[in-house]
Amino acid sequence: MSCKSGSGSTSAKDQQQQVEIPKEKNHYGSTQFKGRTLFKVAIVGDLGSGKSTIEHQLTGQSVTSIGNRYVKPSNLTLNCLNNQEVNVHFFDSLGQERFGGKLPFSYYRSADFIFVVYDITFDVSFTNLPNWLSEAQQPQINTVAPNILIIGNKLDLVKESVRERAISFEQAQTFANQKGLQYLEISAFKGDNCQSIKDYITNYINQKIKDEQ
């Protein structure tokens, strides 16, 4: 059974079917998935790779007002197995990477998912992926290892011949395969293939729920 995004309220019957879990297990990075309602996504990558645009696109915000940054995480609501409604919180680095290229450990702490983003029209952002992966895979405290996804962004610029592609799909896919990770290529600005990211999140959560049954 697949998950799909949704914003409607659950019925009383559905709420009865949902599993209640202890509050201390219903948090980012918990090892329990069945009945859990909170998940964290941390988005990392070079400045200008389109991280905030991805966040806005996935959470239904305007992609033309990225300058309005907030400390509060953005929310995406998904409906999963067993009528489980979950809130996926996206954390924005707020440009902290411009100061030395590293993000504080707290940014990664308890992340269930880490999206490592690069610009397919800018080769340096791809060259820097190993550095971001090294940061994303640092030892975590009180959490399971995060699910890491590599995302190539700005596909629209290539399709519209605004810029030339610097990194081929095959090159990026080979890199991801070597790291044992999945790769998706998108246009965050146009929304092309962004549904695949939602499917990636929800399918992973669904599989974890099934594993616990």
N, C-alpha and C. Protein backbone atom coordinates (compact mmCIF):
# COMPACT_ATOMS: atom_id res chain seq x y z
N MET A 1 0.85 -1.20 0.00
CA MET A 1 0.00 0.00 0.00
C MET A 1 0.87 1.23 0.00
N SER A 2 0.60 2.17 -0.87
CA SER A 2 1.45 3.36 -0.96
C SER A 2 0.89 4.47 -0.12
N CYS A 3 1.77 5.42 0.22
CA CYS A 3 1.35 6.60 0.96
C CYS A 3 1.12 7.72 -0.01
N LYS A 4 0.33 8.66 0.38
CA LYS A 4 0.17 9.86 -0.42
C LYS A 4 -0.04 11.02 0.51
N SER A 5 0.34 12.21 -0.03
CA SER A 5 0.23 13.40 0.81
C SER A 5 -1.22 13.72 1.04
N GLY A 6 -1.48 14.33 2.19
CA GLY A 6 -2.85 14.69 2.51
C GLY A 6 -2.89 15.72 3.61
N SER A 7 -3.94 16.49 3.65
CA SER A 7 -4.05 17.54 4.66
C SER A 7 -5.36 17.47 5.42
N GLY A 8 -6.23 16.50 5.05
CA GLY A 8 -7.51 16.40 5.72
C GLY A 8 -7.38 15.76 7.08
N SER A 9 -8.38 15.95 7.92
CA SER A 9 -8.36 15.38 9.26
C SER A 9 -8.78 13.92 9.18
N THR A 10 -8.30 13.12 10.11
CA THR A 10 -8.67 11.71 10.14
C THR A 10 -10.01 11.56 10.85
N SER A 11 -10.77 10.52 10.47
CA SER A 11 -12.07 10.27 11.07
C SER A 11 -11.88 9.66 12.46
N ALA A 12 -12.98 9.62 13.24
CA ALA A 12 -12.91 9.03 14.58
C ALA A 12 -12.53 7.56 14.49
N LYS A 13 -13.07 6.87 13.45
CA LYS A 13 -12.75 5.45 13.27
C LYS A 13 -11.27 5.27 12.98
N ASP A 14 -10.74 6.12 12.10
CA ASP A 14 -9.32 6.04 11.76
C ASP A 14 -8.46 6.31 12.98
N GLN A 15 -8.87 7.30 13.78
CA GLN A 15 -8.10 7.64 14.98
C GLN A 15 -8.07 6.47 15.95
N GLN A 16 -9.16 5.71 16.03
CA GLN A 16 -9.19 4.56 16.92
C GLN A 16 -8.24 3.47 16.44
N GLN A 17 -8.07 3.38 15.09
CA GLN A 17 -7.23 2.36 14.53
C GLN A 17 -5.74 2.71 14.65
N GLN A 18 -5.43 3.99 14.80
CA GLN A 18 -4.05 4.40 14.91
C GLN A 18 -3.46 3.89 16.23
N VAL A 19 -2.21 3.56 16.17
CA VAL A 19 -1.53 3.03 17.34
C VAL A 19 -0.99 4.17 18.18
N GLU A 20 -1.26 4.12 19.47
CA GLU A 20 -0.72 5.12 20.38
C GLU A 20 0.59 4.61 20.94
N ILE A 21 1.62 5.43 20.88
CA ILE A 21 2.92 5.02 21.41
C ILE A 21 3.34 6.01 22.47
N PRO A 22 4.20 5.59 23.38
CA PRO A 22 4.65 6.48 24.45
C PRO A 22 5.24 7.77 23.89
N LYS A 23 5.02 8.86 24.58
CA LYS A 23 5.49 10.17 24.13
C LYS A 23 6.99 10.18 23.90
N GLU A 24 7.74 9.48 24.73
CA GLU A 24 9.20 9.51 24.61
C GLU A 24 9.69 8.80 23.34
N LYS A 25 8.80 8.02 22.69
CA LYS A 25 9.19 7.34 21.45
C LYS A 25 8.64 8.03 20.22
N ASN A 26 7.78 9.03 20.42
CA ASN A 26 7.18 9.76 19.30
C ASN A 26 7.97 11.04 19.05
N HIS A 27 9.19 10.88 18.54
CA HIS A 27 10.04 12.05 18.30
C HIS A 27 10.98 11.77 17.15
N TYR A 28 11.65 12.81 16.66
CA TYR A 28 12.60 12.65 15.57
C TYR A 28 13.63 11.57 15.92
N GLY A 29 13.95 10.73 14.94
CA GLY A 29 15.02 9.76 15.13
C GLY A 29 14.66 8.57 15.97
N SER A 30 13.41 8.40 16.34
CA SER A 30 13.01 7.25 17.15
C SER A 30 13.16 5.97 16.35
N THR A 31 13.47 4.88 17.03
CA THR A 31 13.58 3.59 16.35
C THR A 31 12.21 2.99 16.05
N GLN A 32 11.15 3.56 16.62
CA GLN A 32 9.80 3.05 16.39
C GLN A 32 9.12 3.86 15.28
N PHE A 33 8.45 3.16 14.37
CA PHE A 33 7.76 3.82 13.27
C PHE A 33 6.25 3.64 13.34
N LYS A 34 5.78 2.50 13.81
CA LYS A 34 4.35 2.24 13.89
C LYS A 34 3.71 3.15 14.92
N GLY A 35 2.78 3.99 14.48
CA GLY A 35 2.11 4.92 15.38
C GLY A 35 2.84 6.23 15.58
N ARG A 36 4.02 6.35 15.07
CA ARG A 36 4.81 7.57 15.24
C ARG A 36 4.32 8.65 14.29
N THR A 37 4.35 9.91 14.72
CA THR A 37 3.77 10.98 13.92
C THR A 37 4.76 12.09 13.57
N LEU A 38 5.98 12.05 14.06
CA LEU A 38 6.94 13.12 13.81
C LEU A 38 8.20 12.59 13.15
N PHE A 39 8.61 13.25 12.05
CA PHE A 39 9.82 12.88 11.33
C PHE A 39 10.57 14.15 10.93
N LYS A 40 11.88 14.03 10.84
CA LYS A 40 12.72 15.19 10.54
C LYS A 40 13.52 14.97 9.27
N VAL A 41 13.52 16.00 8.41
CA VAL A 41 14.36 16.01 7.21
C VAL A 41 15.32 17.18 7.31
N ALA A 42 16.61 16.91 7.18
CA ALA A 42 17.63 17.95 7.12
C ALA A 42 18.12 18.03 5.68
N ILE A 43 18.16 19.22 5.11
CA ILE A 43 18.59 19.40 3.72
C ILE A 43 19.94 20.10 3.72
N VAL A 44 20.94 19.50 3.05
CA VAL A 44 22.29 20.06 3.03
C VAL A 44 22.80 20.12 1.60
N GLY A 45 23.86 20.91 1.41
CA GLY A 45 24.47 21.07 0.09
C GLY A 45 25.03 22.46 -0.03
N ASP A 46 25.72 22.71 -1.13
CA ASP A 46 26.34 24.02 -1.34
C ASP A 46 25.31 25.13 -1.44
N LEU A 47 25.73 26.34 -1.13
CA LEU A 47 24.88 27.51 -1.32
C LEU A 47 24.48 27.60 -2.79
N GLY A 48 23.23 27.94 -3.03
CA GLY A 48 22.75 28.10 -4.39
C GLY A 48 22.31 26.83 -5.07
N SER A 49 22.33 25.71 -4.35
CA SER A 49 21.91 24.45 -4.96
C SER A 49 20.40 24.27 -4.99
N GLY A 50 19.67 25.15 -4.29
CA GLY A 50 18.21 25.12 -4.33
C GLY A 50 17.56 24.41 -3.17
N LYS A 51 18.25 24.35 -2.03
CA LYS A 51 17.72 23.61 -0.87
C LYS A 51 16.41 24.21 -0.37
N SER A 52 16.36 25.52 -0.24
CA SER A 52 15.14 26.17 0.26
C SER A 52 14.00 26.03 -0.72
N THR A 53 14.31 26.04 -2.03
CA THR A 53 13.27 25.86 -3.04
C THR A 53 12.67 24.47 -2.94
N ILE A 54 13.50 23.46 -2.68
CA ILE A 54 13.00 22.10 -2.49
C ILE A 54 12.06 22.05 -1.29
N GLU A 55 12.50 22.66 -0.19
CA GLU A 55 11.66 22.69 1.02
C GLU A 55 10.32 23.34 0.73
N HIS A 56 10.33 24.49 0.07
CA HIS A 56 9.09 25.21 -0.21
C HIS A 56 8.20 24.42 -1.16
N GLN A 57 8.79 23.82 -2.17
CA GLN A 57 8.00 23.06 -3.14
C GLN A 57 7.30 21.88 -2.47
N LEU A 58 8.02 21.16 -1.63
CA LEU A 58 7.46 19.96 -1.00
C LEU A 58 6.41 20.28 0.05
N THR A 59 6.52 21.44 0.67
CA THR A 59 5.60 21.79 1.76
C THR A 59 4.52 22.78 1.33
N GLY A 60 4.41 23.00 0.01
CA GLY A 60 3.32 23.81 -0.50
C GLY A 60 3.48 25.30 -0.33
N GLN A 61 4.69 25.77 -0.17
CA GLN A 61 4.94 27.20 -0.04
C GLN A 61 5.35 27.78 -1.39
N SER A 62 5.29 29.08 -1.50
CA SER A 62 5.68 29.75 -2.73
C SER A 62 7.18 29.60 -2.96
N VAL A 63 7.57 29.18 -4.16
CA VAL A 63 9.00 29.03 -4.47
C VAL A 63 9.60 30.34 -4.95
N THR A 64 8.78 31.39 -5.04
CA THR A 64 9.29 32.69 -5.48
C THR A 64 9.54 33.64 -4.32
N SER A 65 9.36 33.16 -3.08
CA SER A 65 9.58 34.01 -1.90
C SER A 65 10.53 33.34 -0.93
N ILE A 66 11.62 32.79 -1.49
CA ILE A 66 12.58 32.05 -0.67
C ILE A 66 13.29 32.95 0.32
N GLY A 67 13.30 34.26 0.04
CA GLY A 67 13.99 35.18 0.94
C GLY A 67 13.37 35.24 2.33
N ASN A 68 12.10 34.82 2.44
CA ASN A 68 11.43 34.83 3.74
C ASN A 68 11.79 33.55 4.50
N ARG A 69 12.85 33.61 5.30
CA ARG A 69 13.32 32.42 6.00
C ARG A 69 12.82 32.44 7.45
N TYR A 70 12.53 31.27 7.94
CA TYR A 70 12.03 31.14 9.30
C TYR A 70 12.81 30.06 10.03
N VAL A 71 12.94 30.24 11.34
CA VAL A 71 13.61 29.23 12.15
C VAL A 71 12.70 28.02 12.32
N LYS A 72 11.40 28.27 12.37
CA LYS A 72 10.45 27.18 12.54
C LYS A 72 10.47 26.28 11.32
N PRO A 73 10.55 24.95 11.49
CA PRO A 73 10.60 24.05 10.34
C PRO A 73 9.29 24.04 9.57
N SER A 74 9.39 23.78 8.26
CA SER A 74 8.20 23.65 7.42
C SER A 74 7.63 22.25 7.59
N ASN A 75 6.33 22.10 7.33
CA ASN A 75 5.67 20.82 7.58
C ASN A 75 5.02 20.25 6.33
N LEU A 76 5.21 18.95 6.14
CA LEU A 76 4.53 18.18 5.10
C LEU A 76 3.76 17.07 5.80
N THR A 77 2.45 16.98 5.53
CA THR A 77 1.61 15.94 6.13
C THR A 77 1.41 14.80 5.13
N LEU A 78 1.65 13.58 5.58
CA LEU A 78 1.50 12.40 4.73
C LEU A 78 0.60 11.38 5.42
N ASN A 79 -0.17 10.64 4.64
CA ASN A 79 -1.00 9.56 5.16
C ASN A 79 -0.36 8.23 4.83
N CYS A 80 -0.09 7.43 5.86
CA CYS A 80 0.64 6.18 5.68
C CYS A 80 -0.18 4.96 6.06
N LEU A 81 0.48 3.82 6.13
CA LEU A 81 -0.18 2.56 6.46
C LEU A 81 -0.92 2.65 7.78
N ASN A 82 -1.97 1.85 7.89
CA ASN A 82 -2.77 1.79 9.11
C ASN A 82 -3.36 3.14 9.47
N ASN A 83 -3.69 3.94 8.44
CA ASN A 83 -4.28 5.27 8.65
C ASN A 83 -3.38 6.16 9.51
N GLN A 84 -2.10 5.95 9.39
CA GLN A 84 -1.16 6.72 10.20
C GLN A 84 -0.84 8.04 9.51
N GLU A 85 -1.25 9.13 10.11
CA GLU A 85 -0.94 10.47 9.59
C GLU A 85 0.34 10.96 10.24
N VAL A 86 1.30 11.36 9.43
CA VAL A 86 2.58 11.79 9.96
C VAL A 86 2.89 13.21 9.51
N ASN A 87 3.66 13.90 10.32
CA ASN A 87 4.14 15.24 10.00
C ASN A 87 5.65 15.17 9.77
N VAL A 88 6.06 15.55 8.57
CA VAL A 88 7.47 15.55 8.21
C VAL A 88 7.96 16.99 8.26
N HIS A 89 8.89 17.26 9.16
CA HIS A 89 9.39 18.62 9.36
C HIS A 89 10.70 18.82 8.61
N PHE A 90 10.74 19.84 7.78
CA PHE A 90 11.93 20.17 6.99
C PHE A 90 12.69 21.29 7.67
N PHE A 91 13.98 21.06 7.88
CA PHE A 91 14.83 22.05 8.54
C PHE A 91 15.72 22.75 7.51
N ASP A 92 15.71 24.08 7.55
CA ASP A 92 16.49 24.91 6.64
C ASP A 92 17.78 25.33 7.33
N SER A 93 18.89 25.23 6.63
CA SER A 93 20.18 25.61 7.21
C SER A 93 20.33 27.11 7.38
N LEU A 94 19.42 27.89 6.76
CA LEU A 94 19.43 29.35 6.87
C LEU A 94 20.76 29.95 6.43
N GLY A 95 21.42 29.29 5.48
CA GLY A 95 22.66 29.83 4.94
C GLY A 95 23.87 29.70 5.82
N GLN A 96 23.77 28.88 6.88
CA GLN A 96 24.91 28.75 7.80
C GLN A 96 26.14 28.17 7.12
N GLU A 97 25.95 27.46 5.98
CA GLU A 97 27.08 26.83 5.31
C GLU A 97 28.03 27.84 4.69
N ARG A 98 27.60 29.09 4.58
CA ARG A 98 28.50 30.10 4.02
C ARG A 98 29.64 30.42 4.98
N PHE A 99 29.50 30.03 6.24
CA PHE A 99 30.54 30.30 7.23
C PHE A 99 31.37 29.04 7.46
N GLY A 100 32.31 28.79 6.59
CA GLY A 100 33.21 27.66 6.75
C GLY A 100 32.73 26.38 6.10
N GLY A 101 31.52 26.37 5.54
CA GLY A 101 31.05 25.21 4.80
C GLY A 101 30.51 24.07 5.63
N LYS A 102 30.54 24.19 6.96
CA LYS A 102 30.03 23.12 7.81
C LYS A 102 28.83 23.60 8.61
N LEU A 103 27.97 22.66 8.91
CA LEU A 103 26.79 22.96 9.71
C LEU A 103 26.97 22.39 11.10
N PRO A 104 26.37 23.01 12.11
CA PRO A 104 26.50 22.49 13.48
C PRO A 104 25.92 21.09 13.61
N PHE A 105 26.47 20.32 14.52
CA PHE A 105 26.01 18.95 14.73
C PHE A 105 24.52 18.91 15.04
N SER A 106 24.02 19.93 15.74
CA SER A 106 22.61 19.95 16.12
C SER A 106 21.69 19.93 14.90
N TYR A 107 22.19 20.43 13.76
CA TYR A 107 21.37 20.45 12.55
C TYR A 107 21.05 19.03 12.07
N TYR A 108 22.02 18.13 12.25
CA TYR A 108 21.85 16.75 11.81
C TYR A 108 21.22 15.86 12.88
N ARG A 109 21.30 16.27 14.13
CA ARG A 109 20.90 15.40 15.22
C ARG A 109 19.46 14.91 15.07
N SER A 110 19.29 13.60 15.20
CA SER A 110 17.97 12.95 15.17
C SER A 110 17.25 13.09 13.84
N ALA A 111 17.96 13.39 12.76
CA ALA A 111 17.32 13.46 11.45
C ALA A 111 16.95 12.05 10.98
N ASP A 112 15.72 11.89 10.55
CA ASP A 112 15.29 10.61 9.97
C ASP A 112 15.73 10.51 8.52
N PHE A 113 15.75 11.66 7.84
CA PHE A 113 16.18 11.73 6.45
C PHE A 113 17.16 12.90 6.30
N ILE A 114 18.16 12.72 5.46
CA ILE A 114 19.05 13.81 5.08
C ILE A 114 19.10 13.86 3.56
N PHE A 115 18.69 15.00 3.00
CA PHE A 115 18.76 15.19 1.56
C PHE A 115 20.04 15.95 1.24
N VAL A 116 20.90 15.35 0.43
CA VAL A 116 22.16 15.98 0.03
C VAL A 116 21.96 16.48 -1.40
N VAL A 117 21.98 17.80 -1.58
CA VAL A 117 21.57 18.43 -2.82
C VAL A 117 22.75 19.06 -3.56
N TYR A 118 22.74 18.94 -4.89
CA TYR A 118 23.71 19.66 -5.71
C TYR A 118 23.00 20.21 -6.94
N ASP A 119 23.66 21.13 -7.62
CA ASP A 119 23.15 21.79 -8.82
C ASP A 119 23.74 21.08 -10.03
N ILE A 120 22.90 20.48 -10.88
CA ILE A 120 23.40 19.69 -12.01
C ILE A 120 24.08 20.57 -13.07
N THR A 121 23.96 21.90 -12.95
CA THR A 121 24.62 22.80 -13.90
C THR A 121 25.90 23.39 -13.34
N PHE A 122 26.29 22.98 -12.13
CA PHE A 122 27.47 23.56 -11.48
C PHE A 122 28.32 22.44 -10.91
N ASP A 123 29.45 22.14 -11.56
CA ASP A 123 30.22 20.96 -11.21
C ASP A 123 30.81 20.99 -9.81
N VAL A 124 31.12 22.18 -9.29
CA VAL A 124 31.72 22.28 -7.96
C VAL A 124 30.77 21.76 -6.89
N SER A 125 29.48 22.01 -7.05
CA SER A 125 28.50 21.54 -6.07
C SER A 125 28.45 20.02 -6.05
N PHE A 126 28.74 19.40 -7.20
CA PHE A 126 28.80 17.93 -7.26
C PHE A 126 30.10 17.43 -6.65
N THR A 127 31.19 18.12 -6.95
CA THR A 127 32.50 17.74 -6.39
C THR A 127 32.49 17.78 -4.87
N ASN A 128 31.68 18.66 -4.31
CA ASN A 128 31.62 18.80 -2.85
C ASN A 128 30.69 17.79 -2.17
N LEU A 129 30.02 16.94 -2.94
CA LEU A 129 29.10 15.97 -2.34
C LEU A 129 29.77 15.07 -1.31
N PRO A 130 31.00 14.55 -1.56
CA PRO A 130 31.63 13.70 -0.54
C PRO A 130 31.79 14.40 0.80
N ASN A 131 32.06 15.70 0.78
CA ASN A 131 32.19 16.45 2.04
C ASN A 131 30.86 16.50 2.78
N TRP A 132 29.78 16.74 2.03
CA TRP A 132 28.46 16.79 2.67
C TRP A 132 28.03 15.43 3.17
N LEU A 133 28.37 14.39 2.43
CA LEU A 133 28.04 13.04 2.87
C LEU A 133 28.80 12.67 4.14
N SER A 134 30.05 13.10 4.20
CA SER A 134 30.85 12.84 5.40
C SER A 134 30.21 13.50 6.61
N GLU A 135 29.70 14.72 6.43
CA GLU A 135 29.02 15.41 7.53
C GLU A 135 27.72 14.69 7.89
N ALA A 136 26.97 14.27 6.87
CA ALA A 136 25.67 13.64 7.10
C ALA A 136 25.81 12.28 7.77
N GLN A 137 26.93 11.62 7.56
CA GLN A 137 27.12 10.28 8.09
C GLN A 137 27.95 10.25 9.36
N GLN A 138 28.15 11.42 9.98
CA GLN A 138 28.88 11.45 11.24
C GLN A 138 28.08 10.73 12.31
N PRO A 139 28.75 10.22 13.34
CA PRO A 139 28.04 9.47 14.39
C PRO A 139 26.88 10.27 14.97
N GLN A 140 25.74 9.61 15.07
CA GLN A 140 24.55 10.26 15.60
C GLN A 140 24.36 9.92 17.08
N ILE A 141 23.72 10.82 17.82
CA ILE A 141 23.46 10.61 19.23
C ILE A 141 21.98 10.32 19.43
N ASN A 142 21.69 9.21 20.11
CA ASN A 142 20.31 8.83 20.44
C ASN A 142 19.41 8.74 19.21
N THR A 143 19.93 8.20 18.15
CA THR A 143 19.12 8.07 16.94
C THR A 143 19.68 6.96 16.08
N VAL A 144 18.83 6.44 15.19
CA VAL A 144 19.30 5.47 14.21
C VAL A 144 19.98 6.23 13.07
N ALA A 145 20.70 5.52 12.23
CA ALA A 145 21.36 6.16 11.09
C ALA A 145 20.31 6.77 10.17
N PRO A 146 20.49 8.00 9.72
CA PRO A 146 19.49 8.64 8.86
C PRO A 146 19.44 8.01 7.48
N ASN A 147 18.31 8.12 6.83
CA ASN A 147 18.15 7.69 5.45
C ASN A 147 18.61 8.84 4.56
N ILE A 148 19.67 8.61 3.77
CA ILE A 148 20.27 9.68 2.98
C ILE A 148 19.87 9.54 1.51
N LEU A 149 19.44 10.64 0.92
CA LEU A 149 19.04 10.68 -0.48
C LEU A 149 19.84 11.78 -1.18
N ILE A 150 20.43 11.45 -2.34
CA ILE A 150 21.14 12.44 -3.14
C ILE A 150 20.18 13.02 -4.17
N ILE A 151 20.13 14.34 -4.26
CA ILE A 151 19.21 15.02 -5.17
C ILE A 151 19.98 15.95 -6.10
N GLY A 152 19.79 15.76 -7.40
CA GLY A 152 20.32 16.68 -8.40
C GLY A 152 19.22 17.66 -8.78
N ASN A 153 19.47 18.94 -8.59
CA ASN A 153 18.43 19.96 -8.77
C ASN A 153 18.71 20.84 -9.99
N LYS A 154 17.70 21.61 -10.37
CA LYS A 154 17.74 22.60 -11.45
C LYS A 154 17.66 21.96 -12.84
N LEU A 155 16.91 20.89 -12.93
CA LEU A 155 16.69 20.23 -14.20
C LEU A 155 16.00 21.16 -15.20
N ASP A 156 15.19 22.08 -14.71
CA ASP A 156 14.46 22.99 -15.60
C ASP A 156 15.41 23.88 -16.39
N LEU A 157 16.54 24.26 -15.79
CA LEU A 157 17.49 25.13 -16.50
C LEU A 157 18.11 24.42 -17.71
N VAL A 158 18.28 23.12 -17.58
CA VAL A 158 18.81 22.32 -18.69
C VAL A 158 17.74 22.12 -19.76
N LYS A 159 16.53 21.78 -19.34
CA LYS A 159 15.44 21.54 -20.29
C LYS A 159 15.11 22.78 -21.10
N GLU A 160 15.24 23.95 -20.45
CA GLU A 160 14.90 25.21 -21.12
C GLU A 160 16.11 25.86 -21.76
N SER A 161 17.25 25.13 -21.78
CA SER A 161 18.49 25.60 -22.41
C SER A 161 18.99 26.91 -21.83
N VAL A 162 18.68 27.14 -20.56
CA VAL A 162 19.20 28.33 -19.88
C VAL A 162 20.67 28.12 -19.50
N ARG A 163 20.98 26.90 -19.08
CA ARG A 163 22.36 26.52 -18.76
C ARG A 163 22.64 25.14 -19.33
N GLU A 164 23.93 24.85 -19.48
CA GLU A 164 24.32 23.52 -19.91
C GLU A 164 24.48 22.61 -18.70
N ARG A 165 24.18 21.35 -18.89
CA ARG A 165 24.37 20.37 -17.83
C ARG A 165 25.86 20.16 -17.60
N ALA A 166 26.29 20.24 -16.35
CA ALA A 166 27.69 20.02 -16.00
C ALA A 166 27.96 18.59 -15.57
N ILE A 167 26.95 17.94 -15.01
CA ILE A 167 27.06 16.57 -14.52
C ILE A 167 25.98 15.72 -15.18
N SER A 168 26.37 14.66 -15.84
CA SER A 168 25.39 13.81 -16.51
C SER A 168 24.61 12.99 -15.48
N PHE A 169 23.42 12.54 -15.89
CA PHE A 169 22.63 11.69 -15.01
C PHE A 169 23.39 10.42 -14.67
N GLU A 170 24.05 9.84 -15.67
CA GLU A 170 24.79 8.60 -15.47
C GLU A 170 25.94 8.80 -14.47
N GLN A 171 26.60 9.92 -14.55
CA GLN A 171 27.71 10.20 -13.63
C GLN A 171 27.20 10.29 -12.19
N ALA A 172 26.10 11.00 -12.01
CA ALA A 172 25.54 11.15 -10.67
C ALA A 172 24.99 9.82 -10.16
N GLN A 173 24.35 9.05 -11.04
CA GLN A 173 23.80 7.76 -10.63
C GLN A 173 24.91 6.79 -10.23
N THR A 174 26.00 6.82 -10.95
CA THR A 174 27.15 5.96 -10.62
C THR A 174 27.72 6.33 -9.26
N PHE A 175 27.83 7.63 -9.01
CA PHE A 175 28.33 8.09 -7.72
C PHE A 175 27.43 7.61 -6.59
N ALA A 176 26.11 7.75 -6.76
CA ALA A 176 25.16 7.32 -5.73
C ALA A 176 25.25 5.81 -5.52
N ASN A 177 25.36 5.05 -6.60
CA ASN A 177 25.46 3.60 -6.48
C ASN A 177 26.70 3.20 -5.70
N GLN A 178 27.79 3.88 -5.95
CA GLN A 178 29.05 3.58 -5.25
C GLN A 178 28.92 3.84 -3.76
N LYS A 179 28.08 4.79 -3.40
CA LYS A 179 27.87 5.12 -1.98
C LYS A 179 26.73 4.31 -1.37
N GLY A 180 26.08 3.49 -2.18
CA GLY A 180 24.95 2.70 -1.68
C GLY A 180 23.72 3.53 -1.40
N LEU A 181 23.54 4.63 -2.16
CA LEU A 181 22.44 5.54 -1.92
C LEU A 181 21.58 5.68 -3.17
N GLN A 182 20.36 6.20 -2.99
CA GLN A 182 19.48 6.44 -4.12
C GLN A 182 19.68 7.86 -4.63
N TYR A 183 19.37 8.04 -5.91
CA TYR A 183 19.55 9.35 -6.55
C TYR A 183 18.27 9.74 -7.28
N LEU A 184 17.88 11.00 -7.12
CA LEU A 184 16.75 11.56 -7.84
C LEU A 184 17.17 12.87 -8.48
N GLU A 185 16.63 13.14 -9.65
CA GLU A 185 16.92 14.39 -10.35
C GLU A 185 15.63 15.16 -10.52
N ILE A 186 15.63 16.43 -10.14
CA ILE A 186 14.39 17.19 -10.08
C ILE A 186 14.56 18.63 -10.55
N SER A 187 13.45 19.30 -10.70
CA SER A 187 13.41 20.75 -10.78
C SER A 187 12.56 21.22 -9.61
N ALA A 188 13.21 21.74 -8.59
CA ALA A 188 12.47 22.22 -7.43
C ALA A 188 11.62 23.43 -7.79
N PHE A 189 12.12 24.26 -8.70
CA PHE A 189 11.40 25.48 -9.07
C PHE A 189 10.13 25.16 -9.84
N LYS A 190 10.22 24.22 -10.78
CA LYS A 190 9.06 23.84 -11.59
C LYS A 190 8.24 22.73 -10.94
N GLY A 191 8.85 22.01 -10.01
CA GLY A 191 8.15 20.91 -9.35
C GLY A 191 8.32 19.58 -10.05
N ASP A 192 9.10 19.54 -11.12
CA ASP A 192 9.30 18.30 -11.87
C ASP A 192 9.93 17.22 -10.99
N ASN A 193 9.26 16.07 -10.91
CA ASN A 193 9.73 14.88 -10.20
C ASN A 193 9.77 15.06 -8.68
N CYS A 194 9.22 16.14 -8.16
CA CYS A 194 9.23 16.34 -6.70
C CYS A 194 8.31 15.36 -5.98
N GLN A 195 7.28 14.88 -6.69
CA GLN A 195 6.42 13.87 -6.09
C GLN A 195 7.22 12.62 -5.75
N SER A 196 8.27 12.35 -6.52
CA SER A 196 9.10 11.17 -6.26
C SER A 196 9.78 11.27 -4.89
N ILE A 197 10.06 12.49 -4.45
CA ILE A 197 10.67 12.66 -3.13
C ILE A 197 9.66 12.30 -2.05
N LYS A 198 8.42 12.75 -2.22
CA LYS A 198 7.37 12.40 -1.25
C LYS A 198 7.17 10.89 -1.22
N ASP A 199 7.16 10.29 -2.41
CA ASP A 199 7.00 8.83 -2.48
C ASP A 199 8.16 8.12 -1.79
N TYR A 200 9.35 8.66 -1.96
CA TYR A 200 10.54 8.08 -1.33
C TYR A 200 10.39 8.08 0.19
N ILE A 201 9.95 9.20 0.74
CA ILE A 201 9.77 9.32 2.19
C ILE A 201 8.71 8.34 2.68
N THR A 202 7.56 8.38 2.03
CA THR A 202 6.44 7.59 2.52
C THR A 202 6.65 6.09 2.33
N ASN A 203 7.28 5.71 1.23
CA ASN A 203 7.56 4.29 1.02
C ASN A 203 8.53 3.75 2.07
N TYR A 204 9.49 4.58 2.45
CA TYR A 204 10.44 4.17 3.49
C TYR A 204 9.73 3.99 4.83
N ILE A 205 8.88 4.95 5.18
CA ILE A 205 8.13 4.86 6.44
C ILE A 205 7.21 3.64 6.40
N ASN A 206 6.53 3.43 5.27
CA ASN A 206 5.65 2.27 5.14
C ASN A 206 6.41 0.97 5.36
N GLN A 207 7.59 0.85 4.76
CA GLN A 207 8.36 -0.38 4.90
C GLN A 207 8.77 -0.60 6.34
N LYS A 208 9.14 0.45 7.02
CA LYS A 208 9.51 0.34 8.43
C LYS A 208 8.32 -0.10 9.28
N ILE A 209 7.13 0.43 8.96
CA ILE A 209 5.93 0.03 9.69
C ILE A 209 5.66 -1.46 9.46
N LYS A 210 5.79 -1.90 8.20
CA LYS A 210 5.58 -3.31 7.89
C LYS A 210 6.55 -4.20 8.63
N ASP A 211 7.80 -3.74 8.75
CA ASP A 211 8.81 -4.53 9.44
C ASP A 211 8.48 -4.74 10.92
N GLU A 212 7.70 -3.81 11.48
CA GLU A 212 7.36 -3.90 12.89
C GLU A 212 6.10 -4.72 13.14
N GLN A 213 5.39 -5.09 12.09
CA GLN A 213 4.13 -5.83 12.25
C GLN A 213 4.38 -7.33 12.37
